[in-house]
């Protein structure tokens, strides 16, 4: 374990192990970032820049390209009003990039930073070289995992409903029942990351790709949970600030570029996600 801000440790790791692929997953997520935005900026932006610059330096010295895989988020979107959100088609990567949270701002900037290191680093110098850092980014929807306990994230109302029902507890949702955003389950998120590293560079038309699986309202999720746990009780007490954040995210995203460029297709639609992954795994956690 090392500090993402410690350039020396990171550089030594890259050199000692001849690392050819980096999955940069270190981040302070949306809810925690709003509680300490300065710290979030330091870790999310300065940490990413440190890792990119170190990767670039090692690749330049050793004359090899290093793949840099970066998970981004629908938090980079910022839709101004709920009325606008409800009128929109699934958003493409370049639309409504006006985030309202520190986390979203950090992620959007780092998307651009990675593209810069990959294509335009030191453009006006004799040292300019392309493809030392092979930056590839996935812009994820809300991700639901059966293997980890929800940690209070802004989209965690979905897994929190399931965990509460499996424990025989009621759940008070911090968003309205009509709140809608896109989701995917963790196995599909991992699949997308692993697929992306295998794609030949020449097949990629962009450095940042949307990926998604299904969209659902909080009410939809509550209904699916209730089918399995008929005694489950979900009530709604929207938190105005968290609601504002989720309402600024799109109801759906357009991942057609990922599908056409490298054959992205999720394995889990909403029914399969709940019936074959989330419900069985979470049930088994609490039945032991």
Protein backbone atom coordinates (compact mmCIF):
# COMPACT_ATOMS: atom_id res chain seq x y z
CA UNK A 1 0.00 0.00 0.00
CA UNK A 2 1.29 3.48 -0.89
CA UNK A 3 0.20 7.09 -0.99
CA UNK A 4 -0.97 8.09 -4.48
CA UNK A 5 0.69 11.47 -3.89
CA UNK A 6 4.11 9.90 -3.23
CA UNK A 7 5.84 10.15 -6.62
CA UNK A 8 8.95 8.32 -5.49
CA UNK A 9 7.11 5.22 -4.35
CA UNK A 10 4.95 5.15 -7.48
CA UNK A 11 7.96 5.58 -9.78
CA UNK A 12 9.88 2.82 -8.03
CA UNK A 13 6.93 0.46 -8.40
CA UNK A 14 6.64 1.19 -12.12
CA UNK A 15 10.34 0.59 -12.69
CA UNK A 16 10.86 -2.42 -10.44
CA UNK A 17 7.93 -4.39 -11.82
CA UNK A 18 8.00 -3.17 -15.45
CA UNK A 19 4.31 -2.35 -15.14
CA UNK A 20 2.63 -2.09 -18.54
CA UNK A 21 -0.98 -1.46 -17.45
CA UNK A 22 -2.19 0.83 -14.67
CA UNK A 23 -5.73 0.73 -13.31
CA UNK A 24 -6.01 4.02 -11.45
CA UNK A 25 -8.89 3.35 -9.05
CA UNK A 26 -7.81 5.56 -6.14
CA UNK A 27 -10.32 8.34 -5.46
CA UNK A 28 -12.40 10.10 -2.85
CA UNK A 29 -15.99 9.57 -4.02
CA UNK A 30 -18.87 12.00 -4.35
CA UNK A 31 -20.37 12.13 -0.87
CA UNK A 32 -17.03 12.12 0.97
CA UNK A 33 -15.69 14.68 -1.51
CA UNK A 34 -18.43 17.14 -0.61
CA UNK A 35 -17.55 16.80 3.07
CA UNK A 36 -13.87 17.60 2.43
CA UNK A 37 -13.55 19.11 -1.06
CA UNK A 38 -9.98 20.34 -0.63
CA UNK A 39 -8.76 16.87 0.34
CA UNK A 40 -10.78 15.37 -2.51
CA UNK A 41 -9.16 17.72 -5.00
CA UNK A 42 -5.73 16.85 -3.67
CA UNK A 43 -6.26 13.10 -3.99
CA UNK A 44 -8.44 13.03 -7.11
CA UNK A 45 -6.65 15.66 -9.20
CA UNK A 46 -3.13 15.98 -7.82
CA UNK A 47 -2.92 12.24 -7.26
CA UNK A 48 -3.99 11.55 -10.83
CA UNK A 49 -1.62 14.15 -12.24
CA UNK A 50 1.23 12.71 -10.19
CA UNK A 51 0.55 9.22 -11.48
CA UNK A 52 0.18 10.41 -15.08
CA UNK A 53 3.40 12.42 -14.99
CA UNK A 54 5.30 9.56 -13.37
CA UNK A 55 3.92 7.11 -15.93
CA UNK A 56 4.93 9.48 -18.71
CA UNK A 57 8.45 9.91 -17.32
CA UNK A 58 9.06 6.17 -16.87
CA UNK A 59 7.64 5.37 -20.30
CA UNK A 60 9.80 8.05 -21.92
CA UNK A 61 13.01 6.83 -20.26
CA UNK A 62 12.27 3.18 -20.96
CA UNK A 63 10.92 3.90 -24.45
CA UNK A 64 7.64 2.05 -24.00
CA UNK A 65 3.96 2.88 -23.90
CA UNK A 66 2.08 2.23 -20.67
CA UNK A 67 -1.69 1.77 -20.68
CA UNK A 68 -3.42 3.99 -18.13
CA UNK A 69 -7.00 2.93 -17.38
CA UNK A 70 -9.09 5.55 -15.60
CA UNK A 71 -12.63 5.09 -14.24
CA UNK A 72 -14.72 8.23 -14.54
CA UNK A 73 -18.34 8.78 -13.60
CA UNK A 74 -21.71 10.18 -14.60
CA UNK A 75 -20.91 12.80 -11.96
CA UNK A 76 -19.14 14.71 -14.78
CA UNK A 77 -22.58 15.61 -16.11
CA UNK A 78 -24.50 18.58 -14.75
CA UNK A 79 -28.06 18.98 -15.97
CA UNK A 80 -29.45 22.35 -14.81
CA UNK A 81 -33.06 21.41 -14.01
CA UNK A 82 -35.19 18.33 -13.52
CA UNK A 83 -37.40 19.47 -16.41
CA UNK A 84 -34.35 19.52 -18.67
CA UNK A 85 -33.28 16.08 -17.45
CA UNK A 86 -36.67 14.58 -18.21
CA UNK A 87 -36.63 15.99 -21.74
CA UNK A 88 -33.20 14.69 -22.74
CA UNK A 89 -32.25 11.71 -24.84
CA UNK A 90 -29.43 9.50 -23.49
CA UNK A 91 -26.42 11.80 -23.13
CA UNK A 92 -23.34 11.45 -25.28
CA UNK A 93 -19.89 11.86 -23.74
CA UNK A 94 -19.50 15.54 -24.68
CA UNK A 95 -22.95 16.79 -23.63
CA UNK A 96 -23.83 18.70 -20.44
CA UNK A 97 -20.31 18.48 -19.01
CA UNK A 98 -21.05 21.04 -16.28
CA UNK A 99 -20.76 19.09 -13.01
CA UNK A 100 -21.95 20.59 -9.73
CA UNK A 101 -19.89 18.46 -7.31
CA UNK A 102 -16.20 18.47 -6.48
CA UNK A 103 -16.01 14.79 -7.45
CA UNK A 104 -17.58 15.43 -10.85
CA UNK A 105 -15.33 18.42 -11.48
CA UNK A 106 -12.29 16.36 -10.51
CA UNK A 107 -13.24 13.48 -12.80
CA UNK A 108 -13.95 15.72 -15.79
CA UNK A 109 -10.64 17.53 -15.40
CA UNK A 110 -8.76 14.23 -15.08
CA UNK A 111 -10.42 12.91 -18.25
CA UNK A 112 -9.00 15.92 -20.06
CA UNK A 113 -5.66 15.63 -18.29
CA UNK A 114 -5.28 12.01 -19.36
CA UNK A 115 -6.12 12.87 -22.96
CA UNK A 116 -3.50 15.63 -22.81
CA UNK A 117 -0.76 13.28 -21.61
CA UNK A 118 -1.78 10.74 -24.23
CA UNK A 119 -1.85 13.07 -27.24
CA UNK A 120 -0.60 16.60 -26.60
CA UNK A 121 2.02 16.51 -23.85
CA UNK A 122 4.67 19.20 -24.40
CA UNK A 123 3.20 19.89 -27.82
CA UNK A 124 5.46 22.90 -28.45
CA UNK A 125 8.75 21.25 -27.52
CA UNK A 126 11.17 18.90 -29.23
CA UNK A 127 10.35 16.32 -26.55
CA UNK A 128 6.77 15.93 -27.80
CA UNK A 129 5.94 12.26 -28.33
CA UNK A 130 2.59 10.60 -28.64
CA UNK A 131 1.49 7.38 -26.98
CA UNK A 132 3.86 7.16 -24.08
CA UNK A 133 0.78 7.24 -21.86
CA UNK A 134 -1.96 5.20 -23.55
CA UNK A 135 -4.86 6.79 -21.63
CA UNK A 136 -8.21 5.00 -21.76
CA UNK A 137 -11.21 6.07 -19.71
CA UNK A 138 -14.60 4.55 -18.90
CA UNK A 139 -17.35 6.85 -17.73
CA UNK A 140 -19.37 4.61 -15.42
CA UNK A 141 -22.98 4.91 -14.25
CA UNK A 142 -23.93 4.04 -10.67
CA UNK A 143 -22.26 0.72 -9.87
CA UNK A 144 -23.99 -1.82 -7.63
CA UNK A 145 -21.95 -4.57 -5.98
CA UNK A 146 -23.22 -7.54 -4.01
CA UNK A 147 -19.80 -8.06 -2.45
CA UNK A 148 -19.27 -4.78 -0.63
CA UNK A 149 -21.32 -2.96 1.98
CA UNK A 150 -22.68 0.40 0.73
CA UNK A 151 -20.59 3.21 2.15
CA UNK A 152 -22.96 6.16 1.88
CA UNK A 153 -22.30 7.09 -1.74
CA UNK A 154 -24.70 9.32 -3.61
CA UNK A 155 -26.11 6.43 -5.66
CA UNK A 156 -25.99 3.92 -2.80
CA UNK A 157 -29.73 4.11 -2.18
CA UNK A 158 -30.01 1.21 -4.63
CA UNK A 159 -27.80 -1.34 -2.84
CA UNK A 160 -28.86 0.00 0.58
CA UNK A 161 -32.46 -1.03 -0.20
CA UNK A 162 -31.39 -4.61 -0.89
CA UNK A 163 -29.10 -4.92 2.12
CA UNK A 164 -31.75 -3.52 4.45
CA UNK A 165 -34.42 -5.89 3.12
CA UNK A 166 -32.10 -8.90 3.39
CA UNK A 167 -31.47 -8.00 7.05
CA UNK A 168 -35.19 -7.62 7.69
CA UNK A 169 -34.85 -3.89 8.26
CA UNK A 170 -36.80 -0.98 6.84
CA UNK A 171 -35.09 1.56 4.62
CA UNK A 172 -35.59 5.31 4.33
CA UNK A 173 -34.52 6.50 0.90
CA UNK A 174 -32.80 9.87 0.63
CA UNK A 175 -34.15 10.38 -2.92
CA UNK A 176 -37.68 10.50 -4.39
CA UNK A 177 -39.18 7.31 -5.84
CA UNK A 178 -39.15 8.84 -9.35
CA UNK A 179 -35.40 9.55 -9.20
CA UNK A 180 -33.74 7.90 -12.19
CA UNK A 181 -30.11 7.35 -13.20
CA UNK A 182 -28.27 4.63 -15.14
CA UNK A 183 -26.68 1.68 -13.33
CA UNK A 184 -24.61 -1.44 -13.89
CA UNK A 185 -23.51 -4.24 -11.61
CA UNK A 186 -19.90 -4.79 -10.62
CA UNK A 187 -19.26 -7.85 -12.84
CA UNK A 188 -20.12 -5.74 -15.90
CA UNK A 189 -17.91 -2.90 -14.68
CA UNK A 190 -14.97 -5.28 -14.35
CA UNK A 191 -15.77 -6.79 -17.74
CA UNK A 192 -15.70 -3.35 -19.37
CA UNK A 193 -12.32 -2.50 -17.84
CA UNK A 194 -10.79 -5.79 -18.95
CA UNK A 195 -12.24 -5.48 -22.45
CA UNK A 196 -10.91 -1.97 -22.89
CA UNK A 197 -7.29 -2.90 -22.21
CA UNK A 198 -7.39 -5.50 -24.99
CA UNK A 199 -8.63 -3.18 -27.75
CA UNK A 200 -5.97 -2.22 -30.32
CA UNK A 201 -5.29 1.50 -30.11
CA UNK A 202 -6.22 2.08 -33.74
CA UNK A 203 -9.79 0.90 -33.08
CA UNK A 204 -10.40 3.56 -30.44
CA UNK A 205 -12.01 6.71 -31.82
CA UNK A 206 -11.81 8.54 -28.48
CA UNK A 207 -10.14 8.31 -25.08
CA UNK A 208 -13.33 8.55 -22.97
CA UNK A 209 -16.23 6.12 -23.35
CA UNK A 210 -19.63 5.93 -21.72
CA UNK A 211 -20.68 2.45 -20.62
CA UNK A 212 -24.01 1.50 -19.10
CA UNK A 213 -26.42 -1.39 -18.61
CA UNK A 214 -29.86 -0.21 -17.47
CA UNK A 215 -31.69 2.78 -16.04
CA UNK A 216 -34.03 2.49 -13.09
CA UNK A 217 -35.92 4.70 -10.69
CA UNK A 218 -35.64 4.31 -6.94
CA UNK A 219 -39.23 3.07 -7.06
CA UNK A 220 -38.34 0.42 -9.67
CA UNK A 221 -35.61 -0.88 -7.40
CA UNK A 222 -37.92 -0.92 -4.39
CA UNK A 223 -40.48 -2.93 -6.40
CA UNK A 224 -37.87 -5.51 -7.42
CA UNK A 225 -36.71 -5.84 -3.83
CA UNK A 226 -40.29 -6.21 -2.62
CA UNK A 227 -40.89 -9.14 -4.98
CA UNK A 228 -38.24 -11.13 -3.13
CA UNK A 229 -38.73 -9.61 0.31
CA UNK A 230 -42.49 -8.93 0.50
CA UNK A 231 -42.16 -7.69 4.08
CA UNK A 232 -39.58 -5.07 3.12
CA UNK A 233 -40.55 -1.49 3.88
CA UNK A 234 -39.11 1.39 1.88
CA UNK A 235 -40.08 4.94 2.77
CA UNK A 236 -38.94 8.15 1.15
CA UNK A 237 -37.47 11.18 2.88
CA UNK A 238 -35.51 13.07 0.23
CA UNK A 239 -32.43 14.95 1.35
CA UNK A 240 -32.56 18.17 -0.66
CA UNK A 241 -28.82 18.41 -1.29
CA UNK A 242 -28.27 14.78 -2.23
CA UNK A 243 -31.43 14.92 -4.36
CA UNK A 244 -30.03 17.97 -6.16
CA UNK A 245 -26.87 16.06 -7.00
CA UNK A 246 -28.66 12.97 -8.34
CA UNK A 247 -31.11 15.12 -10.31
CA UNK A 248 -28.13 16.73 -12.07
CA UNK A 249 -27.07 13.33 -13.42
CA UNK A 250 -28.68 11.95 -16.60
CA UNK A 251 -31.52 9.47 -16.69
CA UNK A 252 -29.53 7.51 -19.26
CA UNK A 253 -26.26 7.74 -21.16
CA UNK A 254 -25.42 6.90 -24.75
CA UNK A 255 -22.73 4.20 -24.89
CA UNK A 256 -22.99 3.62 -28.65
CA UNK A 257 -19.32 4.54 -29.20
CA UNK A 258 -18.16 1.78 -26.86
CA UNK A 259 -20.51 -0.66 -28.56
CA UNK A 260 -19.36 0.22 -32.08
CA UNK A 261 -15.64 0.71 -31.38
CA UNK A 262 -14.92 -2.32 -29.23
CA UNK A 263 -18.09 -4.38 -28.94
CA UNK A 264 -19.21 -3.36 -25.47
CA UNK A 265 -22.36 -5.15 -24.33
CA UNK A 266 -23.39 -5.69 -20.70
CA UNK A 267 -24.19 -9.17 -19.47
CA UNK A 268 -26.78 -8.00 -16.95
CA UNK A 269 -30.03 -6.18 -17.63
CA UNK A 270 -32.02 -5.09 -14.59
CA UNK A 271 -33.94 -8.36 -14.14
CA UNK A 272 -30.85 -10.55 -14.45
CA UNK A 273 -28.83 -8.20 -12.26
CA UNK A 274 -31.29 -8.58 -9.41
CA UNK A 275 -32.41 -12.18 -9.87
CA UNK A 276 -29.08 -13.83 -10.69
CA UNK A 277 -26.52 -11.63 -8.95
CA UNK A 278 -27.60 -9.05 -6.38
CA UNK A 279 -30.41 -10.83 -4.53
CA UNK A 280 -28.76 -14.29 -4.26
CA UNK A 281 -25.37 -12.93 -3.21
CA UNK A 282 -26.71 -10.46 -0.67
CA UNK A 283 -29.15 -13.04 0.72
CA UNK A 284 -26.28 -15.47 1.26
CA UNK A 285 -24.29 -12.81 3.13
CA UNK A 286 -26.97 -12.46 5.79
CA UNK A 287 -28.12 -16.09 5.96
CA UNK A 288 -24.80 -17.32 7.33
